[in-house]
Amino acid sequence: MTRSLDDMFLDKKLKDLPISDWRRWIFLESPRAKDILGCVARLWEFADIQCVLDAEMLSRLKSKDYDQFRSAIHELAIGEFLSSIGNINWHPPGRASHIGEFRLLPKNYEPIFVEVKTIFKSTEERKRDTNWAIMREVVHQITSPFIINVEFIKLECEVVAGHFRPWVERQIINLKKELTKEGQQKEVIFKDKAENGSSVEVTVQFTRLYDKDLPTSCDHSSGGFRNLHERVIDVIDGAVNQLPDNQPTLVVVASTEWVGLDESSMMAAMFSLPKVTYKLYTESAVGECQNNSDSSIHYELQGVVQKSIRKRLSAVGVWHHQWTLEPSGTLDIYHNPFRAKQIPHTVLQLPNVCQLIPKGEGIMEWVPNRPPR
């Protein structure tokens, strides 16, 4: 571990980060902090060996912008994961600057140009996370017999910690008398207003867990990530413009924590939102007519793969990152049935890789069968 890496993760530097920065938790509070730091150290060493630990990569890894840090981690982790297939040529020249993050050189196949894109949080999601971090910081300083869950209703401004703390303390005093049995719950609305007239409104649920006061924990209902398949399409659009024509290409999409980039979101992005067809029929039984229905799900191929008959794109990968001391992670690959250049699935055959490949007209099949994530 180089001195530069030690300097980057000094406790003081981490504590100086905004409380909404995920690194404050994963490196200081997470029970897996040692594994996470070990993972970063391993990728740092990999970057050094690959001669990609240049000024740009260093600035991204050390950046106070968490998005810059996480996108750099994803690029290195995916490069490390795919390096067992063949050598890696980082940032090959082409187009305006370079073609893809790197060029993968398989032993028995032509070069594959790989572009890595990370899906980040929207402005609304960032605002929600910032407010939750403020509220969590307040709640963790208070003892009570409750666990607290917050759900945001209106977020035009930030929660003021100096307003939220006395409000929580008053609620705890009152609810100790009202909620006397373990498991009892009550929801209360916290409202606040800024000087410019903008307001915040949060549902706060108190659940009694103990008979005595202990450090209060806080959780929040995230509400999920909206229109995720549309975001996938957007990042792929940006990635494809950086890739060469008539050569094998792979765009790998990664995401930050809690995004939940699952198979349904990817199928919607790659092909279309699922369409359900119902078949109605009647059966006669003992002189009575009974209505029954059967349904099937199909895709209309109007997503990424069909956009202007997208041929430049050979396949899209989804990277599921794991913070582990040893190289780990899983990759799902969705092949484009309309691609100009096919990447044979045998070329990308690795442990922890599942591939959705064309098996005939209108038929796609997972090889091997994809386990639930």
Protein backbone atom coordinates (compact mmCIF):
# COMPACT_ATOMS: atom_id res chain seq x y z
CA MET A 1 0.00 0.00 0.00
CA THR A 2 1.64 3.23 -1.10
CA ARG A 3 1.91 6.32 1.06
CA SER A 4 -0.49 8.11 -1.29
CA LEU A 5 -3.18 5.55 -0.47
CA ASP A 6 -2.52 5.93 3.27
CA ASP A 7 -2.84 9.69 2.94
CA MET A 8 -6.11 9.41 1.05
CA PHE A 9 -7.82 7.51 3.87
CA LEU A 10 -6.63 9.29 6.97
CA ASP A 11 -9.46 9.43 9.52
CA LYS A 12 -9.25 13.21 9.60
CA LYS A 13 -9.69 13.48 5.82
CA LEU A 14 -12.64 11.13 5.89
CA LYS A 15 -14.29 13.00 8.75
CA ASP A 16 -13.90 16.23 6.79
CA LEU A 17 -16.05 14.80 3.99
CA PRO A 18 -19.73 15.86 3.91
CA ILE A 19 -21.87 13.58 6.07
CA SER A 20 -23.79 12.63 2.93
CA ASP A 21 -20.60 11.18 1.34
CA TRP A 22 -20.89 7.40 1.39
CA ARG A 23 -17.14 7.02 2.08
CA ARG A 24 -17.56 8.36 5.61
CA TRP A 25 -19.66 5.31 6.40
CA ILE A 26 -17.91 2.59 4.39
CA PHE A 27 -14.42 3.47 5.68
CA LEU A 28 -15.19 4.61 9.22
CA GLU A 29 -18.42 2.98 10.41
CA SER A 30 -19.02 -0.10 8.28
CA PRO A 31 -18.28 -3.45 9.96
CA ARG A 32 -16.53 -4.38 6.69
CA ALA A 33 -14.29 -1.30 6.62
CA LYS A 34 -11.08 -3.40 6.58
CA ASP A 35 -12.30 -5.42 3.59
CA ILE A 36 -13.29 -2.26 1.74
CA LEU A 37 -9.95 -0.57 2.39
CA GLY A 38 -8.19 -3.78 1.33
CA CYS A 39 -10.21 -3.82 -1.89
CA VAL A 40 -9.20 -0.24 -2.70
CA ALA A 41 -5.55 -1.03 -1.89
CA ARG A 42 -5.64 -4.04 -4.23
CA LEU A 43 -7.13 -2.00 -7.09
CA TRP A 44 -4.60 0.78 -6.43
CA GLU A 45 -1.80 -1.78 -6.84
CA PHE A 46 -3.44 -3.20 -9.99
CA ALA A 47 -3.60 0.31 -11.47
CA ASP A 48 0.07 0.82 -10.67
CA ILE A 49 1.06 -2.48 -12.33
CA GLN A 50 -1.09 -1.60 -15.36
CA CYS A 51 0.65 1.80 -15.60
CA VAL A 52 -2.72 3.56 -15.40
CA LEU A 53 -2.10 5.22 -12.03
CA ASP A 54 -1.41 8.51 -13.76
CA ALA A 55 -2.25 12.06 -12.65
CA GLU A 56 -5.84 11.78 -13.92
CA MET A 57 -6.54 8.47 -12.15
CA LEU A 58 -4.91 9.71 -8.93
CA SER A 59 -7.01 12.87 -8.96
CA ARG A 60 -10.22 10.83 -9.38
CA LEU A 61 -9.34 8.39 -6.60
CA LYS A 62 -8.45 11.26 -4.26
CA SER A 63 -11.31 13.48 -5.38
CA LYS A 64 -13.72 14.92 -2.81
CA ASP A 65 -16.41 14.13 -5.38
CA TYR A 66 -17.63 10.63 -4.51
CA ASP A 67 -18.85 10.03 -8.07
CA GLN A 68 -15.33 10.51 -9.42
CA PHE A 69 -13.93 8.12 -6.83
CA ARG A 70 -16.53 5.42 -7.43
CA SER A 71 -16.35 5.56 -11.25
CA ALA A 72 -12.56 5.11 -11.04
CA ILE A 73 -13.02 2.13 -8.70
CA HIS A 74 -15.48 0.54 -11.15
CA GLU A 75 -13.13 0.96 -14.12
CA LEU A 76 -10.25 -0.64 -12.25
CA ALA A 77 -12.37 -3.46 -10.81
CA ILE A 78 -13.84 -4.36 -14.21
CA GLY A 79 -10.41 -4.18 -15.83
CA GLU A 80 -9.02 -6.47 -13.14
CA PHE A 81 -11.96 -8.88 -13.55
CA LEU A 82 -11.58 -9.13 -17.35
CA SER A 83 -7.77 -9.27 -17.32
CA SER A 84 -7.91 -13.05 -16.94
CA ILE A 85 -9.31 -13.19 -20.50
CA GLY A 86 -6.36 -11.32 -22.00
CA ASN A 87 -4.07 -8.33 -21.79
CA ILE A 88 -5.50 -4.83 -21.40
CA ASN A 89 -4.54 -1.78 -23.42
CA TRP A 90 -5.82 1.23 -21.46
CA HIS A 91 -7.33 4.25 -23.24
CA PRO A 92 -6.56 3.25 -26.84
CA PRO A 93 -6.48 6.29 -29.16
CA GLY A 94 -9.35 6.97 -31.54
CA ARG A 95 -12.18 9.35 -32.42
CA ALA A 96 -11.80 12.68 -30.61
CA SER A 97 -9.67 11.36 -27.72
CA HIS A 98 -9.78 7.63 -27.05
CA ILE A 99 -11.93 4.63 -27.89
CA GLY A 100 -13.32 3.08 -24.75
CA GLU A 101 -11.84 2.71 -21.30
CA PHE A 102 -9.60 -0.09 -22.52
CA ARG A 103 -9.07 -2.59 -25.30
CA LEU A 104 -9.25 -6.21 -24.13
CA LEU A 105 -6.99 -8.57 -26.08
CA PRO A 106 -8.37 -12.13 -25.75
CA LYS A 107 -6.00 -14.95 -26.57
CA ASN A 108 -8.15 -16.48 -29.34
CA TYR A 109 -10.26 -13.55 -30.57
CA GLU A 110 -9.88 -10.07 -31.97
CA PRO A 111 -9.67 -7.04 -29.61
CA ILE A 112 -12.81 -6.01 -27.74
CA PHE A 113 -13.27 -2.31 -26.99
CA VAL A 114 -14.71 -1.80 -23.51
CA GLU A 115 -16.34 1.38 -22.20
CA VAL A 116 -17.34 1.59 -18.52
CA LYS A 117 -20.19 3.84 -17.39
CA THR A 118 -21.44 4.38 -13.84
CA ILE A 119 -25.02 5.39 -13.09
CA PHE A 120 -25.07 8.11 -10.45
CA LYS A 121 -27.82 9.50 -8.29
CA SER A 122 -30.18 12.15 -9.57
CA THR A 123 -30.42 15.60 -7.99
CA GLU A 124 -33.56 14.50 -6.12
CA GLU A 125 -31.85 11.38 -4.79
CA ARG A 126 -28.78 13.35 -3.71
CA LYS A 127 -31.00 15.81 -1.86
CA ARG A 128 -32.78 12.93 -0.13
CA ASP A 129 -29.49 11.30 0.88
CA THR A 130 -28.05 14.57 2.18
CA ASN A 131 -31.11 15.15 4.36
CA TRP A 132 -31.13 11.59 5.61
CA ALA A 133 -27.45 11.90 6.56
CA ILE A 134 -28.21 15.07 8.55
CA MET A 135 -31.12 13.39 10.34
CA ARG A 136 -29.16 10.20 11.00
CA GLU A 137 -26.30 12.22 12.52
CA VAL A 138 -28.77 13.90 14.89
CA VAL A 139 -30.60 10.71 15.84
CA HIS A 140 -27.41 8.75 16.55
CA GLN A 141 -26.50 11.31 19.24
CA ILE A 142 -29.73 10.63 21.15
CA THR A 143 -30.58 7.69 23.41
CA SER A 144 -34.09 6.26 23.46
CA PRO A 145 -36.01 2.94 23.48
CA PHE A 146 -36.95 3.51 19.82
CA ILE A 147 -35.70 2.80 16.33
CA ILE A 148 -36.59 5.55 13.87
CA ASN A 149 -37.44 5.28 10.18
CA VAL A 150 -37.82 8.39 8.00
CA GLU A 151 -39.63 8.81 4.69
CA PHE A 152 -39.37 12.05 2.75
CA ILE A 153 -42.55 13.71 1.50
CA LYS A 154 -41.33 17.16 0.48
CA LEU A 155 -37.69 18.24 0.13
CA GLU A 156 -37.35 21.80 -1.12
CA CYS A 157 -34.50 22.56 1.32
CA GLU A 158 -32.20 20.84 3.79
CA VAL A 159 -33.29 19.77 7.24
CA VAL A 160 -31.76 22.06 9.88
CA ALA A 161 -30.11 19.87 12.51
CA GLY A 162 -30.73 22.51 15.20
CA HIS A 163 -34.47 22.36 14.48
CA PHE A 164 -34.73 18.59 14.07
CA ARG A 165 -32.95 17.58 17.29
CA PRO A 166 -35.28 19.30 19.81
CA TRP A 167 -38.27 18.07 17.82
CA VAL A 168 -37.04 14.44 18.08
CA GLU A 169 -36.30 14.83 21.78
CA ARG A 170 -39.84 16.14 22.42
CA GLN A 171 -41.34 13.22 20.48
CA ILE A 172 -39.30 10.71 22.48
CA ILE A 173 -40.48 12.18 25.81
CA ASN A 174 -44.15 12.01 24.71
CA LEU A 175 -43.98 8.62 23.00
CA LYS A 176 -42.29 6.91 25.95
CA LYS A 177 -45.58 7.39 27.78
CA GLU A 178 -47.78 6.47 24.80
CA LEU A 179 -45.87 3.49 23.37
CA THR A 180 -45.18 1.21 26.33
CA LYS A 181 -44.98 -2.22 24.68
CA GLU A 182 -42.28 -3.63 22.41
CA GLY A 183 -43.21 -3.37 18.72
CA GLN A 184 -45.68 -0.50 19.10
CA GLN A 185 -45.29 2.19 16.42
CA LYS A 186 -46.38 5.71 15.68
CA GLU A 187 -45.81 7.99 12.68
CA VAL A 188 -45.32 11.73 13.21
CA ILE A 189 -44.77 14.43 10.58
CA PHE A 190 -41.76 16.72 10.92
CA LYS A 191 -42.12 20.05 9.07
CA ASP A 192 -39.65 22.88 8.73
CA LYS A 193 -39.34 26.00 6.59
CA ALA A 194 -36.32 27.95 5.36
CA GLU A 195 -36.02 31.73 5.27
CA ASN A 196 -36.65 31.79 1.51
CA GLY A 197 -40.00 30.08 1.98
CA SER A 198 -38.94 26.59 0.82
CA SER A 199 -40.03 23.77 3.09
CA VAL A 200 -39.28 20.21 4.12
CA GLU A 201 -41.76 17.57 5.25
CA VAL A 202 -40.78 14.15 6.57
CA THR A 203 -42.72 11.21 7.97
CA VAL A 204 -40.87 9.89 11.03
CA GLN A 205 -41.89 6.47 12.34
CA PHE A 206 -40.97 5.56 15.93
CA THR A 207 -40.92 1.85 16.85
CA ARG A 208 -40.45 0.82 20.47
CA LEU A 209 -37.85 -1.93 20.82
CA TYR A 210 -36.49 -1.76 24.37
CA ASP A 211 -37.44 -1.09 28.00
CA LYS A 212 -34.46 1.18 28.52
CA ASP A 213 -32.70 3.95 26.62
CA LEU A 214 -30.00 2.86 24.18
CA PRO A 215 -28.29 4.64 21.27
CA THR A 216 -31.06 5.35 18.76
CA SER A 217 -30.63 3.91 15.26
CA CYS A 218 -32.12 5.48 12.15
CA ASP A 219 -33.12 4.06 8.78
CA HIS A 220 -34.94 5.52 5.81
CA SER A 221 -37.30 4.43 3.05
CA SER A 222 -35.35 5.22 -0.10
CA GLY A 223 -38.30 5.04 -2.48
CA GLY A 224 -36.11 3.30 -5.04
CA PHE A 225 -34.45 4.74 -8.11
CA ARG A 226 -36.96 6.06 -10.62
CA ASN A 227 -36.94 5.39 -14.35
CA LEU A 228 -33.82 3.29 -13.99
CA HIS A 229 -34.15 1.71 -17.43
CA GLU A 230 -34.22 5.19 -19.00
CA ARG A 231 -31.02 6.07 -17.18
CA VAL A 232 -29.39 2.91 -18.51
CA ILE A 233 -30.36 3.94 -22.04
CA ASP A 234 -28.88 7.41 -21.48
CA VAL A 235 -25.51 6.12 -20.29
CA ILE A 236 -25.33 3.58 -23.12
CA ASP A 237 -26.09 6.33 -25.65
CA GLY A 238 -23.14 8.29 -24.28
CA ALA A 239 -20.88 5.25 -24.30
CA VAL A 240 -21.64 4.08 -27.83
CA ASN A 241 -20.49 7.39 -29.32
CA GLN A 242 -17.01 6.64 -27.96
CA LEU A 243 -16.76 3.18 -29.54
CA PRO A 244 -15.46 2.13 -32.99
CA ASP A 245 -17.57 0.94 -35.90
CA ASN A 246 -17.52 -2.68 -37.12
CA GLN A 247 -15.40 -3.94 -34.24
CA PRO A 248 -16.41 -5.94 -31.14
CA THR A 249 -17.61 -3.59 -28.40
CA LEU A 250 -18.78 -4.05 -24.82
CA VAL A 251 -20.34 -1.33 -22.67
CA VAL A 252 -20.25 -2.21 -18.97
CA VAL A 253 -22.74 -0.38 -16.76
CA ALA A 254 -22.09 -0.12 -13.03
CA SER A 255 -23.99 1.69 -10.33
CA THR A 256 -23.52 3.21 -6.92
CA GLU A 257 -24.91 1.64 -3.74
CA TRP A 258 -28.62 0.83 -3.50
CA VAL A 259 -29.40 1.42 -7.16
CA GLY A 260 -30.65 -2.12 -7.66
CA LEU A 261 -29.82 -2.56 -11.34
CA ASP A 262 -31.62 -5.88 -11.79
CA GLU A 263 -32.66 -8.05 -14.72
CA SER A 264 -36.08 -6.40 -15.15
CA SER A 265 -34.52 -2.92 -15.47
CA MET A 266 -31.95 -4.20 -17.96
CA MET A 267 -34.50 -6.07 -20.07
CA ALA A 268 -36.59 -2.89 -20.23
CA ALA A 269 -33.53 -0.87 -21.26
CA MET A 270 -32.19 -3.34 -23.80
CA PHE A 271 -35.46 -4.38 -25.43
CA SER A 272 -38.56 -2.61 -24.07
CA LEU A 273 -40.84 -2.53 -21.09
CA PRO A 274 -42.46 -5.98 -20.87
CA LYS A 275 -45.73 -6.40 -22.76
CA VAL A 276 -48.33 -8.82 -21.43
CA THR A 277 -50.68 -10.62 -23.82
CA TYR A 278 -53.79 -12.28 -22.42
CA LYS A 279 -55.49 -15.21 -24.16
CA LEU A 280 -59.14 -15.53 -23.24
CA TYR A 281 -61.14 -18.71 -23.69
CA THR A 282 -64.20 -20.41 -22.23
CA GLU A 283 -64.81 -23.91 -21.11
CA SER A 284 -68.17 -25.63 -20.59
CA ALA A 285 -68.48 -27.57 -17.37
CA VAL A 286 -71.74 -29.06 -16.14
CA GLY A 287 -73.76 -26.71 -18.35
CA GLU A 288 -71.93 -23.57 -17.12
CA CYS A 289 -69.52 -21.27 -18.96
CA GLN A 290 -66.32 -20.50 -17.08
CA ASN A 291 -64.02 -17.64 -18.16
CA ASN A 292 -60.32 -18.39 -17.91
CA SER A 293 -57.22 -16.52 -19.00
CA ASP A 294 -53.60 -17.26 -19.77
CA SER A 295 -50.87 -14.67 -20.23
CA SER A 296 -47.44 -14.39 -21.80
CA ILE A 297 -44.72 -11.73 -21.56
CA HIS A 298 -42.85 -10.48 -24.61
CA TYR A 299 -40.60 -7.57 -25.58
CA GLU A 300 -41.04 -5.36 -28.63
CA LEU A 301 -37.31 -4.77 -29.29
CA GLN A 302 -37.69 -1.00 -29.09
CA GLY A 303 -35.00 -0.39 -26.48
CA VAL A 304 -31.25 0.09 -26.84
CA VAL A 305 -30.83 -2.69 -29.38
CA GLN A 306 -33.34 -1.23 -31.85
CA LYS A 307 -32.46 2.46 -31.60
CA SER A 308 -31.63 3.29 -35.24
CA ILE A 309 -30.84 -0.42 -35.55
CA ARG A 310 -27.92 -0.10 -33.14
CA LYS A 311 -25.26 -2.30 -34.72
CA ARG A 312 -22.12 -0.77 -33.23
CA LEU A 313 -22.96 -2.25 -29.83
CA SER A 314 -22.01 -5.92 -29.47
CA ALA A 315 -23.13 -6.36 -25.87
CA VAL A 316 -23.91 -4.59 -22.58
CA GLY A 317 -22.54 -5.81 -19.27
CA VAL A 318 -23.86 -5.07 -15.78
CA TRP A 319 -21.18 -5.05 -13.09
CA HIS A 320 -22.18 -6.06 -9.55
CA HIS A 321 -19.33 -4.77 -7.42
CA GLN A 322 -18.18 -6.47 -4.23
CA TRP A 323 -15.90 -4.89 -1.65
CA THR A 324 -13.65 -7.86 -0.89
CA LEU A 325 -9.96 -8.40 -0.14
CA GLU A 326 -9.65 -10.88 -3.00
CA PRO A 327 -10.79 -10.08 -6.58
CA SER A 328 -14.55 -10.61 -6.74
CA GLY A 329 -17.73 -9.37 -8.36
CA THR A 330 -20.23 -10.65 -10.90
CA LEU A 331 -20.93 -9.62 -14.48
CA ASP A 332 -24.18 -10.09 -16.42
CA ILE A 333 -23.81 -9.66 -20.19
CA TYR A 334 -26.74 -8.88 -22.50
CA HIS A 335 -25.79 -9.59 -26.12
CA ASN A 336 -27.29 -7.46 -28.89
CA PRO A 337 -29.07 -9.68 -31.44
CA PHE A 338 -28.65 -6.94 -34.11
CA ARG A 339 -24.91 -6.38 -33.57
CA ALA A 340 -22.55 -5.94 -36.52
CA LYS A 341 -19.83 -7.81 -34.64
CA GLN A 342 -20.77 -10.72 -32.42
CA ILE A 343 -18.65 -11.54 -29.39
CA PRO A 344 -18.93 -15.33 -29.01
CA HIS A 345 -20.12 -16.08 -25.51
CA THR A 346 -17.24 -18.54 -25.13
CA VAL A 347 -14.77 -15.63 -25.29
CA LEU A 348 -16.31 -14.01 -22.19
CA GLN A 349 -16.86 -17.28 -20.36
CA LEU A 350 -15.60 -16.80 -16.80
CA PRO A 351 -16.72 -17.80 -13.31
CA ASN A 352 -19.33 -15.30 -12.07
CA VAL A 353 -20.31 -14.31 -15.63
CA CYS A 354 -23.82 -14.98 -16.97
CA GLN A 355 -24.68 -14.11 -20.58
CA LEU A 356 -28.03 -13.56 -22.30
CA ILE A 357 -27.41 -14.71 -25.86
CA PRO A 358 -29.56 -15.00 -29.02
CA LYS A 359 -30.77 -18.58 -29.54
CA GLY A 360 -32.93 -18.06 -32.61
CA GLU A 361 -35.32 -15.49 -33.99
CA GLY A 362 -36.86 -13.62 -31.07
CA ILE A 363 -35.37 -16.02 -28.50
CA MET A 364 -32.77 -15.13 -25.89
CA GLU A 365 -31.33 -17.53 -23.32
CA TRP A 366 -29.11 -17.19 -20.24
CA VAL A 367 -25.86 -19.17 -20.41
CA PRO A 368 -25.44 -20.44 -17.76
CA ASN A 369 -28.77 -19.91 -16.03
CA ARG A 370 -28.61 -16.60 -14.19
CA PRO A 371 -29.13 -16.97 -10.42
CA PRO A 372 -31.29 -14.40 -8.60
CA ARG A 373 -29.27 -11.39 -7.43
